[in-house]
Structures are given as structure tokens and as C-alpha cells.
Amino acid sequence: MIAVISAMLLSAALILPAARRGRRDIPRPWEVRVRETRLTAGFGAVLWLEALLLCACMDGSLFSAYPPAFRQNILFFLAASILLGGFAFLSYFVKTVYVYEDRIVCVGLTGKAAEMPWAQVEHIKILSPQRIRLLYPGDKSIMVSGERRSMAAFTDCAARYLPARVDKGPLTALRTRAKRRA
């Protein structure tokens, strides 16, 4: 139990500096900020709760009453729950896309920011109503995903700032569908 809690605290200690680093370099007057959904953080919390419950339900002698194959599976699920929960928290608290008039700034999972100008976008792909991929030359891309309101604001900005050569038909269809739901 102490090892699981220690692993969770270590994960949290690694997430905080990445979150701070990602916000520190971003100029303030952005137009839209797109973050992952709250469901992502909820998923991370459920996974960490699962790890704690697995530890609490087992004997204090590290599963000695169970066969070795069962112990290996439990330890695998503990490790997977801790790692995936930390990844979900990292996605929610660190991964962000900031929209400016001339560029998009994407903060990745490590907290490192990458800037891409709107003028270089070659193509867009709508993967789902909450997930859009902007394709750039040289196999570069930015994945924008988040909550419904911020994605609606992002699609409005993208329709204004994307170059004329980019087909905006899928984006228009997505905006129309979002307005019908609202």
C-alpha cells in the first residue's frame, strides 16, 4: 500500500513541473484555450482509486495466499492503473492548445510548447466532434481535442484563420452540427 501511494505521489510530483513549465512560456492574450475534457481527469482518478482499492483488499503480506499467476496479474493491474492514471492526469493538466490570430501554440505532455502558424496548415481532418487534426508539411500535425465549448470556439477561429487553399467543408459541417445540438 505504501509503495502504491509513493508511486502516485511520485507521478504527481512529475506532473506539477510539466504543468508549470507549459504555462510559463505562453503569452497571455490568447483567443481560445483548448484543454482536455474533465472526463480525462476523472478517468485518472478512477484508475488511481482502483490501485488503492486493490491494495486495500489484498493481504498485507504482498498477496502470499494467492497463486503466483494471480499475484503477477494483480501487480500488473496495479502498475497499469498507476501509470495510466498518471498519464490521464498529465493529459488533463498539461496538454493544452492556445489559439492566436497568426499561430497555434500546442503544449505537449512534457510541457514543451510548439508553435505552428495558421498559414502553413495544408489539410484538416475531423476525427470526431471533439477531435480535430491540423496537418502541416513534413508529416507534422497538431491534434486539438477538448470540451464542447472550447472546441466550438476553436472551430470558429479555425474557419477565420485557415488559409483559403484549405478545404473548410468538414469544419463548416462540424460547426453546423454543434449549433444544432446547442
N, C-alpha and C. Protein backbone atom coordinates (compact mmCIF):
# COMPACT_ATOMS: atom_id res chain seq x y z
N MET A 1 0.83 -1.19 0.00
CA MET A 1 0.00 0.00 0.00
C MET A 1 0.87 1.26 0.00
N ILE A 2 1.93 1.24 0.78
CA ILE A 2 2.83 2.39 0.84
C ILE A 2 3.52 2.58 -0.50
N ALA A 3 3.88 1.49 -1.16
CA ALA A 3 4.53 1.60 -2.47
C ALA A 3 3.59 2.21 -3.50
N VAL A 4 2.34 1.84 -3.47
CA VAL A 4 1.36 2.38 -4.42
C VAL A 4 1.17 3.87 -4.18
N ILE A 5 1.00 4.26 -2.94
CA ILE A 5 0.84 5.68 -2.62
C ILE A 5 2.09 6.46 -2.99
N SER A 6 3.25 5.88 -2.75
CA SER A 6 4.51 6.54 -3.12
C SER A 6 4.60 6.72 -4.63
N ALA A 7 4.19 5.70 -5.39
CA ALA A 7 4.22 5.81 -6.86
C ALA A 7 3.26 6.90 -7.34
N MET A 8 2.10 7.00 -6.71
CA MET A 8 1.15 8.05 -7.09
C MET A 8 1.69 9.43 -6.76
N LEU A 9 2.31 9.57 -5.60
CA LEU A 9 2.89 10.86 -5.23
C LEU A 9 4.05 11.23 -6.15
N LEU A 10 4.84 10.23 -6.54
CA LEU A 10 5.92 10.49 -7.48
C LEU A 10 5.37 10.94 -8.82
N SER A 11 4.30 10.29 -9.28
CA SER A 11 3.65 10.70 -10.55
C SER A 11 3.16 12.14 -10.45
N ALA A 12 2.52 12.47 -9.34
CA ALA A 12 2.03 13.84 -9.15
C ALA A 12 3.18 14.83 -9.10
N ALA A 13 4.28 14.44 -8.48
CA ALA A 13 5.45 15.32 -8.41
C ALA A 13 6.06 15.56 -9.78
N LEU A 14 5.93 14.60 -10.68
CA LEU A 14 6.43 14.78 -12.04
C LEU A 14 5.48 15.59 -12.91
N ILE A 15 4.19 15.53 -12.61
CA ILE A 15 3.18 16.25 -13.39
C ILE A 15 3.24 17.75 -13.11
N LEU A 16 3.41 18.14 -11.86
CA LEU A 16 3.38 19.56 -11.50
C LEU A 16 4.43 20.40 -12.22
N PRO A 17 5.71 19.99 -12.28
CA PRO A 17 6.68 20.82 -13.01
C PRO A 17 6.36 20.93 -14.50
N ALA A 18 5.84 19.85 -15.09
CA ALA A 18 5.48 19.91 -16.51
C ALA A 18 4.33 20.89 -16.72
N ALA A 19 3.38 20.90 -15.81
CA ALA A 19 2.25 21.82 -15.93
C ALA A 19 2.71 23.26 -15.78
N ARG A 20 3.60 23.52 -14.86
CA ARG A 20 4.11 24.88 -14.67
C ARG A 20 4.93 25.34 -15.86
N ARG A 21 5.79 24.45 -16.37
CA ARG A 21 6.64 24.81 -17.49
C ARG A 21 5.80 25.11 -18.72
N GLY A 22 4.72 24.36 -18.94
CA GLY A 22 3.87 24.56 -20.09
C GLY A 22 3.15 25.89 -20.07
N ARG A 23 2.81 26.40 -18.90
CA ARG A 23 2.08 27.67 -18.80
C ARG A 23 3.01 28.87 -18.75
N ARG A 24 4.24 28.68 -18.34
CA ARG A 24 5.15 29.79 -18.11
C ARG A 24 5.52 30.53 -19.40
N ASP A 25 5.68 29.82 -20.51
CA ASP A 25 6.18 30.42 -21.74
C ASP A 25 5.09 30.94 -22.67
N ILE A 26 3.84 30.85 -22.27
CA ILE A 26 2.74 31.22 -23.16
C ILE A 26 2.36 32.68 -22.94
N PRO A 27 2.43 33.50 -24.02
CA PRO A 27 1.97 34.89 -23.89
C PRO A 27 0.48 34.94 -23.58
N ARG A 28 0.07 35.86 -22.76
CA ARG A 28 -1.27 35.88 -22.18
C ARG A 28 -2.44 36.15 -23.11
N PRO A 29 -2.46 37.12 -23.94
CA PRO A 29 -3.74 37.40 -24.63
C PRO A 29 -4.04 36.42 -25.76
N TRP A 30 -4.36 35.17 -25.43
CA TRP A 30 -4.77 34.21 -26.45
C TRP A 30 -6.25 34.36 -26.72
N GLU A 31 -6.67 33.87 -27.86
CA GLU A 31 -8.09 33.96 -28.22
C GLU A 31 -8.90 32.81 -27.62
N VAL A 32 -8.36 31.59 -27.78
CA VAL A 32 -9.04 30.39 -27.29
C VAL A 32 -8.01 29.47 -26.66
N ARG A 33 -8.39 28.83 -25.56
CA ARG A 33 -7.55 27.81 -24.95
C ARG A 33 -8.37 26.51 -24.94
N VAL A 34 -7.81 25.47 -25.54
CA VAL A 34 -8.49 24.18 -25.61
C VAL A 34 -7.73 23.19 -24.73
N ARG A 35 -8.43 22.66 -23.73
CA ARG A 35 -7.85 21.65 -22.84
C ARG A 35 -8.62 20.35 -22.98
N GLU A 36 -8.04 19.30 -22.48
CA GLU A 36 -8.72 18.01 -22.48
C GLU A 36 -9.98 18.10 -21.61
N THR A 37 -10.89 17.17 -21.80
CA THR A 37 -12.14 17.17 -21.05
C THR A 37 -11.91 16.80 -19.59
N ARG A 38 -12.82 17.18 -18.75
CA ARG A 38 -12.74 16.82 -17.33
C ARG A 38 -12.87 15.32 -17.13
N LEU A 39 -13.50 14.67 -18.08
CA LEU A 39 -13.62 13.23 -18.02
C LEU A 39 -12.25 12.55 -17.99
N THR A 40 -11.26 13.17 -18.63
CA THR A 40 -9.90 12.62 -18.62
C THR A 40 -9.34 12.61 -17.21
N ALA A 41 -9.51 13.70 -16.48
CA ALA A 41 -9.04 13.74 -15.09
C ALA A 41 -9.84 12.77 -14.23
N GLY A 42 -11.12 12.65 -14.49
CA GLY A 42 -11.94 11.68 -13.76
C GLY A 42 -11.48 10.26 -14.01
N PHE A 43 -11.10 9.97 -15.24
CA PHE A 43 -10.57 8.65 -15.57
C PHE A 43 -9.28 8.37 -14.80
N GLY A 44 -8.41 9.37 -14.70
CA GLY A 44 -7.18 9.21 -13.93
C GLY A 44 -7.47 8.96 -12.46
N ALA A 45 -8.45 9.67 -11.92
CA ALA A 45 -8.81 9.48 -10.51
C ALA A 45 -9.38 8.08 -10.27
N VAL A 46 -10.19 7.60 -11.20
CA VAL A 46 -10.76 6.25 -11.06
C VAL A 46 -9.66 5.20 -11.11
N LEU A 47 -8.69 5.38 -11.99
CA LEU A 47 -7.60 4.41 -12.08
C LEU A 47 -6.76 4.40 -10.81
N TRP A 48 -6.49 5.57 -10.25
CA TRP A 48 -5.71 5.61 -9.01
C TRP A 48 -6.53 5.04 -7.85
N LEU A 49 -7.82 5.28 -7.83
CA LEU A 49 -8.68 4.71 -6.81
C LEU A 49 -8.70 3.18 -6.93
N GLU A 50 -8.72 2.69 -8.15
CA GLU A 50 -8.67 1.24 -8.38
C GLU A 50 -7.38 0.65 -7.80
N ALA A 51 -6.27 1.32 -8.00
CA ALA A 51 -5.00 0.84 -7.47
C ALA A 51 -5.03 0.81 -5.94
N LEU A 52 -5.59 1.85 -5.34
CA LEU A 52 -5.68 1.87 -3.88
C LEU A 52 -6.60 0.77 -3.36
N LEU A 53 -7.72 0.55 -4.04
CA LEU A 53 -8.64 -0.49 -3.61
C LEU A 53 -8.05 -1.89 -3.77
N LEU A 54 -7.30 -2.11 -4.82
CA LEU A 54 -6.63 -3.40 -4.99
C LEU A 54 -5.67 -3.67 -3.84
N CYS A 55 -4.95 -2.64 -3.44
CA CYS A 55 -4.01 -2.80 -2.32
C CYS A 55 -4.75 -3.02 -1.00
N ALA A 56 -5.82 -2.29 -0.81
CA ALA A 56 -6.55 -2.40 0.45
C ALA A 56 -7.25 -3.75 0.60
N CYS A 57 -7.66 -4.35 -0.53
CA CYS A 57 -8.38 -5.62 -0.47
C CYS A 57 -7.47 -6.83 -0.31
N MET A 58 -6.22 -6.67 -0.60
CA MET A 58 -5.29 -7.80 -0.51
C MET A 58 -4.65 -7.86 0.87
N ASP A 59 -4.09 -9.01 1.18
CA ASP A 59 -3.37 -9.17 2.45
C ASP A 59 -2.17 -8.25 2.50
N GLY A 60 -1.75 -7.94 3.71
CA GLY A 60 -0.57 -7.11 3.89
C GLY A 60 0.72 -7.83 3.57
N SER A 61 0.67 -9.13 3.37
CA SER A 61 1.89 -9.90 3.10
C SER A 61 2.14 -10.04 1.60
N LEU A 62 1.80 -9.04 0.83
CA LEU A 62 2.02 -8.98 -0.61
C LEU A 62 1.44 -10.18 -1.34
N PHE A 63 0.18 -10.44 -1.10
CA PHE A 63 -0.59 -11.45 -1.83
C PHE A 63 -0.06 -12.87 -1.65
N SER A 64 0.49 -13.20 -0.49
CA SER A 64 1.11 -14.52 -0.30
C SER A 64 0.10 -15.67 -0.35
N ALA A 65 -1.15 -15.43 -0.07
CA ALA A 65 -2.14 -16.50 -0.06
C ALA A 65 -2.63 -16.87 -1.47
N TYR A 66 -2.22 -16.13 -2.46
CA TYR A 66 -2.71 -16.35 -3.82
C TYR A 66 -1.65 -17.06 -4.66
N PRO A 67 -2.07 -17.76 -5.71
CA PRO A 67 -1.09 -18.40 -6.59
C PRO A 67 -0.23 -17.36 -7.31
N PRO A 68 0.95 -17.75 -7.74
CA PRO A 68 1.87 -16.79 -8.38
C PRO A 68 1.29 -16.11 -9.62
N ALA A 69 0.54 -16.84 -10.42
CA ALA A 69 -0.03 -16.22 -11.64
C ALA A 69 -1.01 -15.11 -11.26
N PHE A 70 -1.78 -15.32 -10.21
CA PHE A 70 -2.74 -14.30 -9.77
C PHE A 70 -2.00 -13.08 -9.22
N ARG A 71 -0.93 -13.32 -8.48
CA ARG A 71 -0.13 -12.20 -7.94
C ARG A 71 0.46 -11.37 -9.06
N GLN A 72 0.94 -12.04 -10.12
CA GLN A 72 1.51 -11.30 -11.25
C GLN A 72 0.44 -10.44 -11.93
N ASN A 73 -0.74 -10.98 -12.07
CA ASN A 73 -1.82 -10.20 -12.69
C ASN A 73 -2.20 -9.00 -11.84
N ILE A 74 -2.29 -9.19 -10.53
CA ILE A 74 -2.62 -8.08 -9.63
C ILE A 74 -1.54 -7.00 -9.70
N LEU A 75 -0.28 -7.41 -9.67
CA LEU A 75 0.80 -6.42 -9.76
C LEU A 75 0.80 -5.71 -11.10
N PHE A 76 0.47 -6.43 -12.16
CA PHE A 76 0.37 -5.80 -13.48
C PHE A 76 -0.74 -4.75 -13.48
N PHE A 77 -1.90 -5.10 -12.93
CA PHE A 77 -3.01 -4.14 -12.89
C PHE A 77 -2.69 -2.95 -11.99
N LEU A 78 -1.98 -3.18 -10.92
CA LEU A 78 -1.56 -2.06 -10.07
C LEU A 78 -0.66 -1.11 -10.84
N ALA A 79 0.34 -1.66 -11.50
CA ALA A 79 1.27 -0.82 -12.26
C ALA A 79 0.55 -0.10 -13.40
N ALA A 80 -0.31 -0.82 -14.11
CA ALA A 80 -1.04 -0.20 -15.22
C ALA A 80 -1.96 0.91 -14.72
N SER A 81 -2.63 0.68 -13.59
CA SER A 81 -3.53 1.70 -13.04
C SER A 81 -2.77 2.96 -12.64
N ILE A 82 -1.62 2.78 -12.02
CA ILE A 82 -0.83 3.94 -11.60
C ILE A 82 -0.31 4.70 -12.81
N LEU A 83 0.26 3.98 -13.78
CA LEU A 83 0.84 4.65 -14.95
C LEU A 83 -0.22 5.31 -15.82
N LEU A 84 -1.30 4.59 -16.10
CA LEU A 84 -2.35 5.17 -16.94
C LEU A 84 -3.08 6.31 -16.23
N GLY A 85 -3.27 6.20 -14.93
CA GLY A 85 -3.87 7.29 -14.18
C GLY A 85 -2.99 8.54 -14.22
N GLY A 86 -1.69 8.34 -14.06
CA GLY A 86 -0.76 9.47 -14.16
C GLY A 86 -0.77 10.09 -15.55
N PHE A 87 -0.84 9.25 -16.58
CA PHE A 87 -0.92 9.74 -17.95
C PHE A 87 -2.20 10.55 -18.17
N ALA A 88 -3.31 10.08 -17.62
CA ALA A 88 -4.58 10.81 -17.77
C ALA A 88 -4.50 12.17 -17.08
N PHE A 89 -3.92 12.21 -15.88
CA PHE A 89 -3.76 13.49 -15.20
C PHE A 89 -2.83 14.41 -15.98
N LEU A 90 -1.76 13.84 -16.51
CA LEU A 90 -0.82 14.62 -17.31
C LEU A 90 -1.52 15.21 -18.53
N SER A 91 -2.36 14.42 -19.18
CA SER A 91 -3.10 14.91 -20.35
C SER A 91 -4.03 16.05 -19.97
N TYR A 92 -4.69 15.93 -18.84
CA TYR A 92 -5.66 16.96 -18.45
C TYR A 92 -4.96 18.24 -18.00
N PHE A 93 -3.95 18.13 -17.16
CA PHE A 93 -3.35 19.32 -16.57
C PHE A 93 -2.28 19.97 -17.44
N VAL A 94 -1.67 19.26 -18.37
CA VAL A 94 -0.55 19.82 -19.12
C VAL A 94 -0.91 20.07 -20.59
N LYS A 95 -1.50 19.09 -21.25
CA LYS A 95 -1.74 19.19 -22.69
C LYS A 95 -2.80 20.26 -22.97
N THR A 96 -2.39 21.30 -23.71
CA THR A 96 -3.27 22.44 -23.99
C THR A 96 -2.91 23.01 -25.36
N VAL A 97 -3.90 23.55 -26.04
CA VAL A 97 -3.69 24.24 -27.31
C VAL A 97 -4.18 25.68 -27.14
N TYR A 98 -3.31 26.62 -27.47
CA TYR A 98 -3.65 28.04 -27.40
C TYR A 98 -3.76 28.58 -28.82
N VAL A 99 -4.83 29.32 -29.09
CA VAL A 99 -5.07 29.85 -30.43
C VAL A 99 -4.84 31.36 -30.42
N TYR A 100 -4.00 31.80 -31.35
CA TYR A 100 -3.75 33.21 -31.59
C TYR A 100 -4.17 33.53 -33.01
N GLU A 101 -4.16 34.79 -33.35
CA GLU A 101 -4.58 35.20 -34.68
C GLU A 101 -3.66 34.67 -35.77
N ASP A 102 -2.37 34.59 -35.49
CA ASP A 102 -1.41 34.19 -36.51
C ASP A 102 -0.84 32.78 -36.32
N ARG A 103 -1.08 32.15 -35.17
CA ARG A 103 -0.45 30.86 -34.89
C ARG A 103 -1.23 30.06 -33.87
N ILE A 104 -0.83 28.80 -33.75
CA ILE A 104 -1.35 27.90 -32.73
C ILE A 104 -0.15 27.47 -31.88
N VAL A 105 -0.31 27.51 -30.58
CA VAL A 105 0.73 27.03 -29.67
C VAL A 105 0.19 25.78 -29.00
N CYS A 106 0.91 24.69 -29.18
CA CYS A 106 0.50 23.40 -28.63
C CYS A 106 1.48 23.00 -27.54
N VAL A 107 0.97 22.83 -26.33
CA VAL A 107 1.79 22.37 -25.21
C VAL A 107 1.57 20.87 -25.09
N GLY A 108 2.64 20.11 -25.26
CA GLY A 108 2.56 18.66 -25.23
C GLY A 108 2.58 18.10 -23.82
N LEU A 109 2.63 16.79 -23.73
CA LEU A 109 2.59 16.12 -22.42
C LEU A 109 3.80 16.41 -21.55
N THR A 110 4.91 16.78 -22.16
CA THR A 110 6.11 17.09 -21.37
C THR A 110 6.14 18.54 -20.91
N GLY A 111 5.19 19.35 -21.38
CA GLY A 111 5.16 20.76 -21.01
C GLY A 111 5.88 21.64 -22.01
N LYS A 112 6.45 21.04 -23.04
CA LYS A 112 7.17 21.80 -24.05
C LYS A 112 6.19 22.37 -25.07
N ALA A 113 6.32 23.66 -25.36
CA ALA A 113 5.41 24.34 -26.29
C ALA A 113 5.99 24.33 -27.70
N ALA A 114 5.12 24.10 -28.67
CA ALA A 114 5.49 24.14 -30.08
C ALA A 114 4.53 25.08 -30.80
N GLU A 115 5.08 25.99 -31.60
CA GLU A 115 4.28 26.95 -32.34
C GLU A 115 4.18 26.54 -33.79
N MET A 116 2.98 26.66 -34.34
CA MET A 116 2.76 26.39 -35.75
C MET A 116 1.88 27.52 -36.31
N PRO A 117 2.30 28.16 -37.40
CA PRO A 117 1.48 29.23 -37.97
C PRO A 117 0.27 28.69 -38.72
N TRP A 118 -0.81 29.46 -38.70
CA TRP A 118 -2.02 29.08 -39.43
C TRP A 118 -1.73 28.99 -40.93
N ALA A 119 -0.86 29.85 -41.43
CA ALA A 119 -0.60 29.92 -42.87
C ALA A 119 0.00 28.65 -43.43
N GLN A 120 0.61 27.81 -42.60
CA GLN A 120 1.25 26.59 -43.09
C GLN A 120 0.35 25.36 -43.06
N VAL A 121 -0.86 25.49 -42.55
CA VAL A 121 -1.77 24.33 -42.50
C VAL A 121 -2.09 23.89 -43.92
N GLU A 122 -1.90 22.59 -44.18
CA GLU A 122 -2.19 22.06 -45.52
C GLU A 122 -3.56 21.41 -45.61
N HIS A 123 -3.99 20.78 -44.51
CA HIS A 123 -5.22 19.99 -44.55
C HIS A 123 -5.73 19.83 -43.12
N ILE A 124 -7.04 19.65 -42.98
CA ILE A 124 -7.61 19.34 -41.67
C ILE A 124 -8.37 18.03 -41.77
N LYS A 125 -8.35 17.30 -40.66
CA LYS A 125 -9.13 16.06 -40.57
C LYS A 125 -9.99 16.15 -39.33
N ILE A 126 -11.26 15.88 -39.48
CA ILE A 126 -12.18 15.83 -38.35
C ILE A 126 -12.25 14.36 -37.92
N LEU A 127 -11.71 14.05 -36.78
CA LEU A 127 -11.71 12.68 -36.30
C LEU A 127 -12.96 12.36 -35.48
N SER A 128 -13.45 13.35 -34.76
CA SER A 128 -14.70 13.26 -34.01
C SER A 128 -15.12 14.69 -33.69
N PRO A 129 -16.32 14.91 -33.15
CA PRO A 129 -16.71 16.29 -32.84
C PRO A 129 -15.78 16.99 -31.84
N GLN A 130 -15.09 16.21 -31.03
CA GLN A 130 -14.17 16.81 -30.06
C GLN A 130 -12.71 16.55 -30.42
N ARG A 131 -12.42 16.21 -31.66
CA ARG A 131 -11.03 15.91 -32.04
C ARG A 131 -10.79 16.31 -33.49
N ILE A 132 -9.85 17.25 -33.67
CA ILE A 132 -9.50 17.76 -34.99
C ILE A 132 -7.98 17.68 -35.14
N ARG A 133 -7.52 17.24 -36.30
CA ARG A 133 -6.09 17.18 -36.58
C ARG A 133 -5.77 18.19 -37.68
N LEU A 134 -4.80 19.06 -37.40
CA LEU A 134 -4.30 20.01 -38.39
C LEU A 134 -3.00 19.45 -38.95
N LEU A 135 -2.93 19.26 -40.26
CA LEU A 135 -1.77 18.66 -40.89
C LEU A 135 -0.89 19.75 -41.51
N TYR A 136 0.41 19.64 -41.25
CA TYR A 136 1.40 20.59 -41.73
C TYR A 136 2.37 19.88 -42.67
N PRO A 137 3.17 20.64 -43.42
CA PRO A 137 4.16 20.00 -44.29
C PRO A 137 5.19 19.22 -43.46
N GLY A 138 5.72 18.18 -44.06
CA GLY A 138 6.74 17.39 -43.39
C GLY A 138 6.19 16.43 -42.36
N ASP A 139 4.99 15.94 -42.56
CA ASP A 139 4.35 14.98 -41.65
C ASP A 139 4.21 15.50 -40.22
N LYS A 140 4.10 16.80 -40.06
CA LYS A 140 3.84 17.39 -38.75
C LYS A 140 2.34 17.60 -38.61
N SER A 141 1.86 17.48 -37.38
CA SER A 141 0.44 17.71 -37.16
C SER A 141 0.21 18.15 -35.72
N ILE A 142 -0.94 18.76 -35.53
CA ILE A 142 -1.38 19.15 -34.19
C ILE A 142 -2.76 18.54 -33.99
N MET A 143 -2.92 17.84 -32.89
CA MET A 143 -4.21 17.26 -32.53
C MET A 143 -4.85 18.21 -31.52
N VAL A 144 -6.04 18.67 -31.85
CA VAL A 144 -6.79 19.55 -30.96
C VAL A 144 -7.99 18.77 -30.46
N SER A 145 -8.06 18.58 -29.15
CA SER A 145 -9.21 17.87 -28.58
C SER A 145 -9.55 18.51 -27.26
N GLY A 146 -10.84 18.52 -26.95
CA GLY A 146 -11.25 19.14 -25.71
C GLY A 146 -12.75 19.16 -25.53
N GLU A 147 -13.17 19.99 -24.59
CA GLU A 147 -14.58 20.09 -24.26
C GLU A 147 -15.36 20.78 -25.38
N ARG A 148 -16.64 20.57 -25.38
CA ARG A 148 -17.51 21.03 -26.47
C ARG A 148 -17.43 22.55 -26.68
N ARG A 149 -17.48 23.32 -25.61
CA ARG A 149 -17.47 24.79 -25.77
C ARG A 149 -16.16 25.29 -26.36
N SER A 150 -15.06 24.80 -25.83
CA SER A 150 -13.77 25.26 -26.35
C SER A 150 -13.53 24.78 -27.77
N MET A 151 -14.04 23.60 -28.11
CA MET A 151 -13.90 23.11 -29.48
C MET A 151 -14.77 23.93 -30.44
N ALA A 152 -15.93 24.36 -30.00
CA ALA A 152 -16.77 25.23 -30.83
C ALA A 152 -16.07 26.56 -31.09
N ALA A 153 -15.45 27.12 -30.06
CA ALA A 153 -14.70 28.36 -30.23
C ALA A 153 -13.49 28.13 -31.14
N PHE A 154 -12.84 26.97 -31.00
CA PHE A 154 -11.70 26.66 -31.87
C PHE A 154 -12.13 26.56 -33.32
N THR A 155 -13.25 25.91 -33.59
CA THR A 155 -13.70 25.78 -34.99
C THR A 155 -14.05 27.14 -35.59
N ASP A 156 -14.59 28.04 -34.77
CA ASP A 156 -14.87 29.40 -35.26
C ASP A 156 -13.57 30.11 -35.64
N CYS A 157 -12.57 30.00 -34.77
CA CYS A 157 -11.27 30.62 -35.06
C CYS A 157 -10.61 29.97 -36.27
N ALA A 158 -10.67 28.65 -36.35
CA ALA A 158 -10.05 27.95 -37.47
C ALA A 158 -10.69 28.35 -38.79
N ALA A 159 -12.00 28.54 -38.80
CA ALA A 159 -12.68 28.96 -40.02
C ALA A 159 -12.20 30.34 -40.47
N ARG A 160 -11.89 31.20 -39.52
CA ARG A 160 -11.41 32.54 -39.85
C ARG A 160 -9.94 32.54 -40.27
N TYR A 161 -9.09 31.77 -39.60
CA TYR A 161 -7.65 31.90 -39.76
C TYR A 161 -7.02 30.90 -40.72
N LEU A 162 -7.71 29.84 -41.08
CA LEU A 162 -7.12 28.88 -42.02
C LEU A 162 -6.93 29.53 -43.38
N PRO A 163 -5.86 29.19 -44.07
CA PRO A 163 -5.64 29.76 -45.41
C PRO A 163 -6.75 29.36 -46.38
N ALA A 164 -6.92 30.12 -47.44
CA ALA A 164 -8.01 29.89 -48.39
C ALA A 164 -7.84 28.56 -49.13
N ARG A 165 -6.62 28.05 -49.26
CA ARG A 165 -6.39 26.80 -50.00
C ARG A 165 -6.85 25.56 -49.25
N VAL A 166 -7.09 25.69 -47.95
CA VAL A 166 -7.51 24.55 -47.13
C VAL A 166 -9.03 24.39 -47.25
N ASP A 167 -9.47 23.16 -47.49
CA ASP A 167 -10.89 22.85 -47.59
C ASP A 167 -11.53 22.97 -46.21
N LYS A 168 -12.44 23.92 -46.06
CA LYS A 168 -13.09 24.17 -44.78
C LYS A 168 -14.46 23.50 -44.69
N GLY A 169 -14.81 22.67 -45.67
CA GLY A 169 -16.09 22.00 -45.69
C GLY A 169 -16.34 21.14 -44.45
N PRO A 170 -15.40 20.26 -44.07
CA PRO A 170 -15.62 19.45 -42.87
C PRO A 170 -15.77 20.29 -41.60
N LEU A 171 -15.03 21.39 -41.56
CA LEU A 171 -15.10 22.27 -40.40
C LEU A 171 -16.46 22.96 -40.33
N THR A 172 -16.99 23.37 -41.47
CA THR A 172 -18.31 24.00 -41.53
C THR A 172 -19.39 23.01 -41.12
N ALA A 173 -19.28 21.77 -41.58
CA ALA A 173 -20.25 20.74 -41.19
C ALA A 173 -20.21 20.48 -39.69
N LEU A 174 -19.02 20.48 -39.13
CA LEU A 174 -18.88 20.28 -37.69
C LEU A 174 -19.49 21.44 -36.91
N ARG A 175 -19.28 22.66 -37.38
CA ARG A 175 -19.86 23.84 -36.70
C ARG A 175 -21.38 23.81 -36.78
N THR A 176 -21.93 23.41 -37.93
CA THR A 176 -23.38 23.33 -38.09
C THR A 176 -23.97 22.29 -37.16
N ARG A 177 -23.31 21.14 -37.06
CA ARG A 177 -23.78 20.07 -36.18
C ARG A 177 -23.72 20.50 -34.71
N ALA A 178 -22.70 21.24 -34.35
CA ALA A 178 -22.56 21.71 -32.97
C ALA A 178 -23.65 22.73 -32.64
N LYS A 179 -24.01 23.58 -33.58
CA LYS A 179 -25.06 24.57 -33.33
C LYS A 179 -26.42 23.91 -33.20
N ARG A 180 -26.65 22.84 -33.95
CA ARG A 180 -27.93 22.12 -33.82
C ARG A 180 -28.09 21.47 -32.44
N ARG A 181 -27.00 21.00 -31.88
CA ARG A 181 -27.05 20.36 -30.56
C ARG A 181 -27.23 21.34 -29.43
N ALA A 182 -26.78 22.57 -29.65
CA ALA A 182 -26.84 23.58 -28.58
C ALA A 182 -28.20 24.16 -28.37
